[in-house]
Amino acid sequence: MTLPNWPRVPPAHGAIQLRPVEQRDLEMARKLSADPYVPLTGSLPGNASKAEASSWVRRQQGRDAEGRGFSFVIARQDDDYAVGHCGLWLKDLDRGRATVGYAIVPSERGQGYAADALIALTDFALSIPEVQRIDLYIEPWNVPSLRTAERGGYLRGQLVVEHQTIGGRLRDVVEYSIWRPIDD
């Protein structure tokens, strides 16, 4: 599957912009890796060394070339400081579906960056003509992330039992979705 082109203008909303992951983002990756939950959800090892963080950065840089989707750094617009990571995953693009995910480094949480990033990421996703629906899966205990999804305009769906492997076990998640607006 061929992915759409990388956005010419960095997606942005509120205080943040989304930009490609770069080697200068190693410290952000290491901060995310120190969170007890974030490493359970993806390929970033817990308490990553510089070499492990560098390897993670290289993997993120190749996600679009692999046909998986787009991996972005969440950076503040005013100083380009990396505060987190998000992704738009397009393995089901042929069915009109995409998934998104996000993580903010612990020291930068509570400032609205995740919601701003989710809105920017969603706007970019909906600029891809094939994307008709975007899903977001969150564990029910993660109340801040549930609120972020709602602030981002996503509608809460059903509890999906044993949907996603997180930390080596199948976990229940709440499905949130947003759909392409229907033109009148």
N, C-alpha and C. Protein backbone atom coordinates (compact mmCIF):
# COMPACT_ATOMS: atom_id res chain seq x y z
N MET A 1 0.84 -1.18 0.00
CA MET A 1 0.00 0.00 0.00
C MET A 1 0.89 1.24 0.00
N THR A 2 0.54 2.19 -0.83
CA THR A 2 1.27 3.45 -0.89
C THR A 2 0.56 4.47 -0.02
N LEU A 3 1.33 5.07 0.88
CA LEU A 3 0.75 6.09 1.76
C LEU A 3 0.70 7.43 1.06
N PRO A 4 -0.17 8.31 1.55
CA PRO A 4 -0.16 9.68 1.05
C PRO A 4 1.18 10.34 1.38
N ASN A 5 1.44 11.45 0.77
CA ASN A 5 2.68 12.18 1.04
C ASN A 5 2.69 12.75 2.46
N TRP A 6 3.90 12.94 2.95
CA TRP A 6 4.10 13.61 4.23
C TRP A 6 3.50 15.02 4.11
N PRO A 7 2.87 15.53 5.17
CA PRO A 7 2.26 16.87 5.05
C PRO A 7 3.29 17.95 4.73
N ARG A 8 2.97 18.79 3.76
CA ARG A 8 3.88 19.88 3.39
C ARG A 8 3.97 20.93 4.49
N VAL A 9 2.85 21.18 5.14
CA VAL A 9 2.81 22.12 6.26
C VAL A 9 2.61 21.29 7.52
N PRO A 10 3.47 21.49 8.53
CA PRO A 10 3.30 20.69 9.75
C PRO A 10 1.91 20.87 10.35
N PRO A 11 1.21 19.77 10.63
CA PRO A 11 -0.08 19.90 11.30
C PRO A 11 0.10 20.62 12.63
N ALA A 12 -0.82 21.51 12.96
CA ALA A 12 -0.69 22.29 14.19
C ALA A 12 -2.08 22.63 14.72
N HIS A 13 -2.13 22.82 16.02
CA HIS A 13 -3.35 23.28 16.67
C HIS A 13 -2.94 23.83 18.04
N GLY A 14 -3.55 24.95 18.40
CA GLY A 14 -3.28 25.53 19.71
C GLY A 14 -1.80 25.77 19.93
N ALA A 15 -1.26 25.20 20.99
CA ALA A 15 0.13 25.45 21.39
C ALA A 15 1.14 24.53 20.72
N ILE A 16 0.67 23.55 19.92
CA ILE A 16 1.62 22.56 19.41
C ILE A 16 1.62 22.47 17.89
N GLN A 17 2.69 21.86 17.41
CA GLN A 17 2.80 21.46 16.01
C GLN A 17 3.30 20.03 15.99
N LEU A 18 3.02 19.34 14.91
CA LEU A 18 3.51 17.97 14.73
C LEU A 18 4.58 18.02 13.67
N ARG A 19 5.72 17.43 13.97
CA ARG A 19 6.83 17.42 13.02
C ARG A 19 7.46 16.04 12.99
N PRO A 20 8.29 15.79 11.98
CA PRO A 20 8.95 14.48 11.91
C PRO A 20 9.82 14.23 13.14
N VAL A 21 9.98 12.98 13.49
CA VAL A 21 10.87 12.58 14.58
C VAL A 21 12.30 12.72 14.09
N GLU A 22 13.14 13.36 14.92
CA GLU A 22 14.54 13.60 14.55
C GLU A 22 15.45 13.12 15.67
N GLN A 23 16.74 12.96 15.35
CA GLN A 23 17.70 12.51 16.36
C GLN A 23 17.76 13.46 17.56
N ARG A 24 17.46 14.73 17.36
CA ARG A 24 17.47 15.68 18.48
C ARG A 24 16.36 15.39 19.49
N ASP A 25 15.48 14.45 19.19
CA ASP A 25 14.36 14.10 20.08
C ASP A 25 14.69 12.93 21.01
N LEU A 26 15.96 12.57 21.11
CA LEU A 26 16.36 11.46 21.99
C LEU A 26 15.94 11.70 23.44
N GLU A 27 16.11 12.90 23.92
CA GLU A 27 15.78 13.18 25.32
C GLU A 27 14.28 13.03 25.57
N MET A 28 13.46 13.48 24.61
CA MET A 28 12.02 13.29 24.74
C MET A 28 11.70 11.80 24.79
N ALA A 29 12.33 11.03 23.92
CA ALA A 29 12.10 9.58 23.91
C ALA A 29 12.51 8.96 25.24
N ARG A 30 13.62 9.39 25.78
CA ARG A 30 14.07 8.83 27.07
C ARG A 30 13.11 9.21 28.19
N LYS A 31 12.55 10.42 28.14
CA LYS A 31 11.57 10.81 29.16
C LYS A 31 10.30 9.97 29.04
N LEU A 32 9.85 9.73 27.80
CA LEU A 32 8.68 8.86 27.62
C LEU A 32 8.98 7.45 28.12
N SER A 33 10.19 6.98 27.91
CA SER A 33 10.54 5.62 28.30
C SER A 33 10.58 5.43 29.81
N ALA A 34 10.71 6.53 30.54
CA ALA A 34 10.74 6.46 32.01
C ALA A 34 9.34 6.33 32.61
N ASP A 35 8.32 6.62 31.80
CA ASP A 35 6.95 6.45 32.25
C ASP A 35 6.68 4.94 32.37
N PRO A 36 6.03 4.50 33.44
CA PRO A 36 5.82 3.04 33.58
C PRO A 36 4.85 2.46 32.54
N TYR A 37 3.99 3.27 31.94
CA TYR A 37 2.98 2.75 31.02
C TYR A 37 3.38 2.84 29.55
N VAL A 38 3.97 3.94 29.14
CA VAL A 38 4.24 4.18 27.72
C VAL A 38 5.01 3.03 27.07
N PRO A 39 6.08 2.49 27.67
CA PRO A 39 6.79 1.40 27.01
C PRO A 39 5.96 0.13 26.81
N LEU A 40 4.88 -0.01 27.55
CA LEU A 40 4.03 -1.19 27.40
C LEU A 40 3.21 -1.13 26.12
N THR A 41 3.06 0.05 25.53
CA THR A 41 2.14 0.24 24.41
C THR A 41 2.79 0.26 23.04
N GLY A 42 4.11 0.24 22.97
CA GLY A 42 4.76 0.34 21.67
C GLY A 42 6.15 -0.25 21.70
N SER A 43 7.02 0.28 20.84
CA SER A 43 8.36 -0.29 20.67
C SER A 43 9.45 0.45 21.45
N LEU A 44 9.09 1.43 22.25
CA LEU A 44 10.07 2.15 23.05
C LEU A 44 10.34 1.36 24.33
N PRO A 45 11.59 0.92 24.55
CA PRO A 45 11.86 0.15 25.77
C PRO A 45 11.76 1.03 27.02
N GLY A 46 11.43 0.40 28.13
CA GLY A 46 11.39 1.11 29.41
C GLY A 46 12.79 1.57 29.80
N ASN A 47 12.87 2.78 30.36
CA ASN A 47 14.15 3.36 30.79
C ASN A 47 15.23 3.20 29.72
N ALA A 48 14.90 3.64 28.52
CA ALA A 48 15.77 3.47 27.36
C ALA A 48 17.12 4.16 27.54
N SER A 49 18.16 3.46 27.13
CA SER A 49 19.49 4.06 27.06
C SER A 49 19.50 5.01 25.86
N LYS A 50 20.59 5.76 25.71
CA LYS A 50 20.71 6.64 24.53
C LYS A 50 20.67 5.81 23.25
N ALA A 51 21.33 4.67 23.25
CA ALA A 51 21.35 3.81 22.06
C ALA A 51 19.95 3.27 21.76
N GLU A 52 19.22 2.86 22.79
CA GLU A 52 17.86 2.35 22.58
C GLU A 52 16.93 3.46 22.10
N ALA A 53 17.07 4.65 22.67
CA ALA A 53 16.25 5.78 22.23
C ALA A 53 16.58 6.15 20.79
N SER A 54 17.86 6.10 20.43
CA SER A 54 18.27 6.40 19.07
C SER A 54 17.69 5.38 18.09
N SER A 55 17.69 4.13 18.49
CA SER A 55 17.10 3.08 17.65
C SER A 55 15.60 3.30 17.47
N TRP A 56 14.92 3.69 18.55
CA TRP A 56 13.48 3.99 18.49
C TRP A 56 13.23 5.14 17.52
N VAL A 57 14.05 6.20 17.61
CA VAL A 57 13.91 7.34 16.70
C VAL A 57 14.03 6.87 15.26
N ARG A 58 15.03 6.05 14.96
CA ARG A 58 15.21 5.56 13.59
C ARG A 58 14.00 4.74 13.14
N ARG A 59 13.43 3.93 14.03
CA ARG A 59 12.24 3.17 13.65
C ARG A 59 11.08 4.10 13.33
N GLN A 60 10.92 5.15 14.13
CA GLN A 60 9.82 6.10 13.88
C GLN A 60 10.02 6.81 12.55
N GLN A 61 11.26 7.11 12.22
CA GLN A 61 11.54 7.80 10.96
C GLN A 61 11.19 6.94 9.75
N GLY A 62 11.12 5.65 9.91
CA GLY A 62 10.84 4.77 8.79
C GLY A 62 9.41 4.30 8.68
N ARG A 63 8.54 4.73 9.58
CA ARG A 63 7.16 4.20 9.59
C ARG A 63 6.41 4.49 8.29
N ASP A 64 6.57 5.68 7.72
CA ASP A 64 5.86 5.97 6.48
C ASP A 64 6.43 5.17 5.32
N ALA A 65 7.75 5.01 5.24
CA ALA A 65 8.36 4.22 4.17
C ALA A 65 7.94 2.76 4.26
N GLU A 66 7.69 2.25 5.46
CA GLU A 66 7.22 0.87 5.65
C GLU A 66 5.75 0.70 5.28
N GLY A 67 5.06 1.83 5.08
CA GLY A 67 3.64 1.78 4.76
C GLY A 67 2.75 1.64 5.99
N ARG A 68 3.30 1.92 7.17
CA ARG A 68 2.53 1.76 8.41
C ARG A 68 1.72 3.00 8.76
N GLY A 69 2.27 4.17 8.46
CA GLY A 69 1.59 5.41 8.82
C GLY A 69 2.60 6.51 9.07
N PHE A 70 2.20 7.46 9.89
CA PHE A 70 3.02 8.64 10.15
C PHE A 70 3.32 8.75 11.64
N SER A 71 4.58 8.94 11.96
CA SER A 71 5.03 9.10 13.33
C SER A 71 5.50 10.54 13.51
N PHE A 72 4.93 11.22 14.49
CA PHE A 72 5.23 12.64 14.70
C PHE A 72 5.75 12.90 16.11
N VAL A 73 6.57 13.92 16.22
CA VAL A 73 6.89 14.51 17.51
C VAL A 73 5.85 15.60 17.77
N ILE A 74 5.40 15.67 18.99
CA ILE A 74 4.53 16.76 19.43
C ILE A 74 5.46 17.82 20.00
N ALA A 75 5.52 18.99 19.37
CA ALA A 75 6.44 20.05 19.79
C ALA A 75 5.66 21.33 20.04
N ARG A 76 6.11 22.08 21.04
CA ARG A 76 5.50 23.38 21.28
C ARG A 76 5.78 24.29 20.08
N GLN A 77 4.78 25.07 19.69
CA GLN A 77 4.96 25.96 18.54
C GLN A 77 5.92 27.10 18.83
N ASP A 78 5.92 27.59 20.07
CA ASP A 78 6.72 28.77 20.35
C ASP A 78 8.23 28.51 20.39
N ASP A 79 8.66 27.28 20.75
CA ASP A 79 10.10 27.03 20.83
C ASP A 79 10.52 25.67 20.24
N ASP A 80 9.60 24.95 19.63
CA ASP A 80 9.86 23.66 18.99
C ASP A 80 10.37 22.60 19.98
N TYR A 81 10.11 22.77 21.26
CA TYR A 81 10.52 21.82 22.29
C TYR A 81 9.62 20.59 22.23
N ALA A 82 10.22 19.41 22.13
CA ALA A 82 9.47 18.16 22.02
C ALA A 82 8.84 17.79 23.36
N VAL A 83 7.51 17.66 23.37
CA VAL A 83 6.78 17.31 24.60
C VAL A 83 6.12 15.94 24.51
N GLY A 84 6.22 15.28 23.36
CA GLY A 84 5.59 13.97 23.25
C GLY A 84 5.67 13.42 21.84
N HIS A 85 4.89 12.37 21.65
CA HIS A 85 4.90 11.64 20.39
C HIS A 85 3.47 11.23 20.04
N CYS A 86 3.16 11.18 18.76
CA CYS A 86 1.86 10.68 18.32
C CYS A 86 2.01 10.01 16.97
N GLY A 87 1.02 9.20 16.63
CA GLY A 87 1.08 8.51 15.36
C GLY A 87 -0.28 8.35 14.72
N LEU A 88 -0.27 8.33 13.41
CA LEU A 88 -1.43 8.03 12.59
C LEU A 88 -1.10 6.74 11.86
N TRP A 89 -1.83 5.68 12.17
CA TRP A 89 -1.53 4.35 11.64
C TRP A 89 -2.58 3.97 10.60
N LEU A 90 -2.11 3.54 9.45
CA LEU A 90 -2.97 3.39 8.28
C LEU A 90 -3.00 1.98 7.71
N LYS A 91 -2.86 0.97 8.53
CA LYS A 91 -2.85 -0.41 8.01
C LYS A 91 -4.19 -0.79 7.40
N ASP A 92 -5.27 -0.11 7.79
CA ASP A 92 -6.60 -0.40 7.24
C ASP A 92 -7.11 0.71 6.32
N LEU A 93 -6.17 1.44 5.72
CA LEU A 93 -6.55 2.54 4.84
C LEU A 93 -7.41 2.05 3.68
N ASP A 94 -7.15 0.84 3.19
CA ASP A 94 -7.96 0.31 2.08
C ASP A 94 -9.42 0.11 2.49
N ARG A 95 -9.71 0.10 3.79
CA ARG A 95 -11.08 0.02 4.30
C ARG A 95 -11.59 1.37 4.79
N GLY A 96 -10.80 2.43 4.55
CA GLY A 96 -11.21 3.78 4.96
C GLY A 96 -10.97 4.08 6.43
N ARG A 97 -10.18 3.24 7.11
CA ARG A 97 -9.99 3.38 8.56
C ARG A 97 -8.55 3.69 8.91
N ALA A 98 -8.41 4.44 9.98
CA ALA A 98 -7.11 4.78 10.54
C ALA A 98 -7.21 4.69 12.07
N THR A 99 -6.07 4.56 12.72
CA THR A 99 -6.03 4.64 14.18
C THR A 99 -4.99 5.68 14.57
N VAL A 100 -5.18 6.26 15.74
CA VAL A 100 -4.24 7.24 16.25
C VAL A 100 -3.86 6.89 17.69
N GLY A 101 -2.75 7.43 18.11
CA GLY A 101 -2.30 7.29 19.49
C GLY A 101 -1.40 8.45 19.84
N TYR A 102 -1.23 8.70 21.12
CA TYR A 102 -0.42 9.82 21.57
C TYR A 102 0.13 9.56 22.96
N ALA A 103 1.23 10.24 23.28
CA ALA A 103 1.82 10.18 24.62
C ALA A 103 2.57 11.48 24.86
N ILE A 104 2.39 12.02 26.04
CA ILE A 104 3.07 13.25 26.45
C ILE A 104 4.05 12.89 27.57
N VAL A 105 5.24 13.47 27.54
CA VAL A 105 6.20 13.18 28.61
C VAL A 105 5.59 13.62 29.95
N PRO A 106 5.85 12.86 31.01
CA PRO A 106 5.19 13.14 32.29
C PRO A 106 5.31 14.59 32.77
N SER A 107 6.46 15.22 32.60
CA SER A 107 6.66 16.58 33.11
C SER A 107 5.86 17.63 32.35
N GLU A 108 5.30 17.28 31.19
CA GLU A 108 4.56 18.24 30.36
C GLU A 108 3.05 17.98 30.33
N ARG A 109 2.59 17.01 31.10
CA ARG A 109 1.17 16.66 31.11
C ARG A 109 0.34 17.72 31.82
N GLY A 110 -0.95 17.74 31.51
CA GLY A 110 -1.87 18.65 32.17
C GLY A 110 -1.91 20.04 31.58
N GLN A 111 -1.30 20.24 30.42
CA GLN A 111 -1.25 21.56 29.80
C GLN A 111 -2.04 21.63 28.50
N GLY A 112 -2.76 20.57 28.17
CA GLY A 112 -3.57 20.55 26.97
C GLY A 112 -2.84 20.14 25.71
N TYR A 113 -1.57 19.76 25.83
CA TYR A 113 -0.80 19.39 24.64
C TYR A 113 -1.37 18.16 23.94
N ALA A 114 -1.83 17.17 24.71
CA ALA A 114 -2.36 15.95 24.09
C ALA A 114 -3.60 16.26 23.26
N ALA A 115 -4.50 17.07 23.80
CA ALA A 115 -5.72 17.42 23.05
C ALA A 115 -5.36 18.23 21.80
N ASP A 116 -4.45 19.18 21.93
CA ASP A 116 -4.02 19.95 20.75
C ASP A 116 -3.41 19.02 19.70
N ALA A 117 -2.57 18.08 20.15
CA ALA A 117 -1.95 17.14 19.21
C ALA A 117 -2.99 16.25 18.55
N LEU A 118 -3.96 15.77 19.32
CA LEU A 118 -4.99 14.91 18.76
C LEU A 118 -5.81 15.65 17.71
N ILE A 119 -6.14 16.90 17.97
CA ILE A 119 -6.89 17.70 16.99
C ILE A 119 -6.06 17.90 15.72
N ALA A 120 -4.79 18.26 15.88
CA ALA A 120 -3.92 18.45 14.71
C ALA A 120 -3.77 17.14 13.92
N LEU A 121 -3.59 16.04 14.63
CA LEU A 121 -3.42 14.74 13.99
C LEU A 121 -4.70 14.32 13.26
N THR A 122 -5.83 14.57 13.88
CA THR A 122 -7.13 14.24 13.27
C THR A 122 -7.37 15.09 12.02
N ASP A 123 -7.08 16.38 12.10
CA ASP A 123 -7.23 17.24 10.92
C ASP A 123 -6.36 16.74 9.76
N PHE A 124 -5.12 16.36 10.07
CA PHE A 124 -4.25 15.82 9.03
C PHE A 124 -4.83 14.52 8.47
N ALA A 125 -5.27 13.63 9.35
CA ALA A 125 -5.83 12.35 8.90
C ALA A 125 -7.02 12.57 7.98
N LEU A 126 -7.87 13.51 8.33
CA LEU A 126 -9.07 13.76 7.51
C LEU A 126 -8.75 14.50 6.22
N SER A 127 -7.50 14.97 6.08
CA SER A 127 -7.09 15.57 4.80
C SER A 127 -6.73 14.49 3.78
N ILE A 128 -6.63 13.26 4.24
CA ILE A 128 -6.35 12.11 3.37
C ILE A 128 -7.69 11.60 2.86
N PRO A 129 -7.98 11.73 1.58
CA PRO A 129 -9.32 11.41 1.07
C PRO A 129 -9.82 10.02 1.42
N GLU A 130 -8.92 9.04 1.51
CA GLU A 130 -9.35 7.67 1.78
C GLU A 130 -9.80 7.44 3.22
N VAL A 131 -9.40 8.31 4.14
CA VAL A 131 -9.74 8.13 5.55
C VAL A 131 -11.18 8.57 5.78
N GLN A 132 -12.00 7.62 6.19
CA GLN A 132 -13.40 7.89 6.49
C GLN A 132 -13.69 7.85 7.99
N ARG A 133 -12.88 7.09 8.72
CA ARG A 133 -13.10 6.91 10.16
C ARG A 133 -11.74 6.77 10.83
N ILE A 134 -11.63 7.37 12.02
CA ILE A 134 -10.42 7.27 12.82
C ILE A 134 -10.81 6.71 14.18
N ASP A 135 -10.08 5.70 14.62
CA ASP A 135 -10.33 5.08 15.92
C ASP A 135 -9.17 5.34 16.86
N LEU A 136 -9.51 5.35 18.13
CA LEU A 136 -8.56 5.57 19.21
C LEU A 136 -8.97 4.61 20.32
N TYR A 137 -8.03 3.85 20.84
CA TYR A 137 -8.32 2.84 21.86
C TYR A 137 -7.61 3.19 23.16
N ILE A 138 -8.37 3.25 24.26
CA ILE A 138 -7.83 3.70 25.55
C ILE A 138 -8.30 2.74 26.63
N GLU A 139 -7.38 2.38 27.51
CA GLU A 139 -7.78 1.54 28.64
C GLU A 139 -8.73 2.33 29.54
N PRO A 140 -9.76 1.67 30.08
CA PRO A 140 -10.80 2.37 30.85
C PRO A 140 -10.29 3.12 32.08
N TRP A 141 -9.20 2.69 32.66
CA TRP A 141 -8.67 3.36 33.86
C TRP A 141 -7.98 4.67 33.53
N ASN A 142 -7.63 4.91 32.27
CA ASN A 142 -6.83 6.06 31.87
C ASN A 142 -7.74 7.28 31.65
N VAL A 143 -8.27 7.80 32.74
CA VAL A 143 -9.25 8.89 32.69
C VAL A 143 -8.70 10.14 31.98
N PRO A 144 -7.47 10.57 32.23
CA PRO A 144 -6.98 11.75 31.48
C PRO A 144 -7.01 11.54 29.97
N SER A 145 -6.66 10.36 29.50
CA SER A 145 -6.68 10.11 28.07
C SER A 145 -8.11 10.01 27.53
N LEU A 146 -9.03 9.46 28.33
CA LEU A 146 -10.43 9.43 27.93
C LEU A 146 -10.94 10.86 27.73
N ARG A 147 -10.58 11.75 28.65
CA ARG A 147 -10.99 13.16 28.53
C ARG A 147 -10.36 13.82 27.31
N THR A 148 -9.09 13.49 27.05
CA THR A 148 -8.42 14.04 25.87
C THR A 148 -9.15 13.65 24.60
N ALA A 149 -9.54 12.39 24.49
CA ALA A 149 -10.26 11.93 23.30
C ALA A 149 -11.55 12.73 23.11
N GLU A 150 -12.26 12.97 24.20
CA GLU A 150 -13.51 13.73 24.11
C GLU A 150 -13.24 15.19 23.75
N ARG A 151 -12.18 15.79 24.31
CA ARG A 151 -11.82 17.16 23.94
C ARG A 151 -11.41 17.25 22.48
N GLY A 152 -10.89 16.15 21.95
CA GLY A 152 -10.49 16.11 20.55
C GLY A 152 -11.63 15.87 19.59
N GLY A 153 -12.86 15.74 20.11
CA GLY A 153 -14.03 15.56 19.26
C GLY A 153 -14.41 14.12 18.98
N TYR A 154 -13.74 13.19 19.62
CA TYR A 154 -14.04 11.77 19.42
C TYR A 154 -15.24 11.37 20.27
N LEU A 155 -16.03 10.46 19.72
CA LEU A 155 -17.21 9.95 20.43
C LEU A 155 -16.88 8.61 21.06
N ARG A 156 -17.32 8.47 22.30
CA ARG A 156 -17.08 7.23 23.03
C ARG A 156 -17.95 6.12 22.46
N GLY A 157 -17.32 4.99 22.20
CA GLY A 157 -18.03 3.82 21.71
C GLY A 157 -18.09 2.76 22.79
N GLN A 158 -17.94 1.55 22.39
CA GLN A 158 -18.10 0.42 23.30
C GLN A 158 -16.79 0.04 23.98
N LEU A 159 -16.94 -0.71 25.05
CA LEU A 159 -15.80 -1.36 25.68
C LEU A 159 -15.51 -2.60 24.84
N VAL A 160 -14.29 -2.71 24.36
CA VAL A 160 -13.90 -3.85 23.55
C VAL A 160 -13.05 -4.76 24.43
N VAL A 161 -13.56 -5.93 24.71
CA VAL A 161 -12.92 -6.85 25.64
C VAL A 161 -11.73 -7.53 24.96
N GLU A 162 -10.61 -7.54 25.68
CA GLU A 162 -9.37 -8.20 25.23
C GLU A 162 -9.02 -7.83 23.79
N HIS A 163 -9.00 -6.54 23.52
CA HIS A 163 -8.78 -6.05 22.17
C HIS A 163 -7.31 -5.86 21.81
N GLN A 164 -6.51 -5.46 22.79
CA GLN A 164 -5.17 -5.00 22.47
C GLN A 164 -4.16 -5.60 23.44
N THR A 165 -3.02 -6.03 22.91
CA THR A 165 -1.96 -6.52 23.77
C THR A 165 -1.17 -5.32 24.28
N ILE A 166 -1.16 -5.16 25.58
CA ILE A 166 -0.43 -4.08 26.24
C ILE A 166 0.35 -4.73 27.37
N GLY A 167 1.65 -4.55 27.35
CA GLY A 167 2.48 -5.15 28.39
C GLY A 167 2.41 -6.66 28.39
N GLY A 168 2.23 -7.25 27.21
CA GLY A 168 2.25 -8.70 27.09
C GLY A 168 0.94 -9.41 27.41
N ARG A 169 -0.13 -8.65 27.71
CA ARG A 169 -1.42 -9.31 27.93
C ARG A 169 -2.53 -8.57 27.21
N LEU A 170 -3.55 -9.34 26.85
CA LEU A 170 -4.71 -8.73 26.21
C LEU A 170 -5.45 -7.86 27.21
N ARG A 171 -5.77 -6.65 26.79
CA ARG A 171 -6.44 -5.70 27.68
C ARG A 171 -7.74 -5.22 27.06
N ASP A 172 -8.67 -4.87 27.94
CA ASP A 172 -9.91 -4.23 27.52
C ASP A 172 -9.61 -2.77 27.21
N VAL A 173 -10.27 -2.24 26.20
CA VAL A 173 -10.09 -0.84 25.83
C VAL A 173 -11.45 -0.23 25.50
N VAL A 174 -11.54 1.07 25.67
CA VAL A 174 -12.71 1.82 25.23
C VAL A 174 -12.39 2.35 23.84
N GLU A 175 -13.30 2.13 22.92
CA GLU A 175 -13.13 2.60 21.55
C GLU A 175 -13.73 4.00 21.42
N TYR A 176 -12.92 4.90 20.90
CA TYR A 176 -13.38 6.24 20.55
C TYR A 176 -13.22 6.40 19.05
N SER A 177 -14.15 7.10 18.42
CA SER A 177 -14.09 7.24 16.96
C SER A 177 -14.54 8.64 16.54
N ILE A 178 -14.06 8.99 15.37
CA ILE A 178 -14.53 10.21 14.71
C ILE A 178 -14.65 9.87 13.23
N TRP A 179 -15.63 10.45 12.56
CA TRP A 179 -15.90 10.15 11.16
C TRP A 179 -15.73 11.40 10.32
N ARG A 180 -15.42 11.18 9.06
CA ARG A 180 -15.35 12.28 8.09
C ARG A 180 -16.73 12.91 8.01
N PRO A 181 -16.80 14.23 8.11
CA PRO A 181 -18.11 14.88 7.97
C PRO A 181 -18.71 14.61 6.59
N ILE A 182 -20.00 14.40 6.58
CA ILE A 182 -20.71 14.17 5.32
C ILE A 182 -21.10 15.55 4.75
N ASP A 183 -20.67 15.78 3.52
CA ASP A 183 -21.01 17.06 2.87
C ASP A 183 -22.47 17.06 2.49
N ASP A 184 -23.13 18.19 2.69
CA ASP A 184 -24.56 18.29 2.31
C ASP A 184 -24.72 18.50 0.83
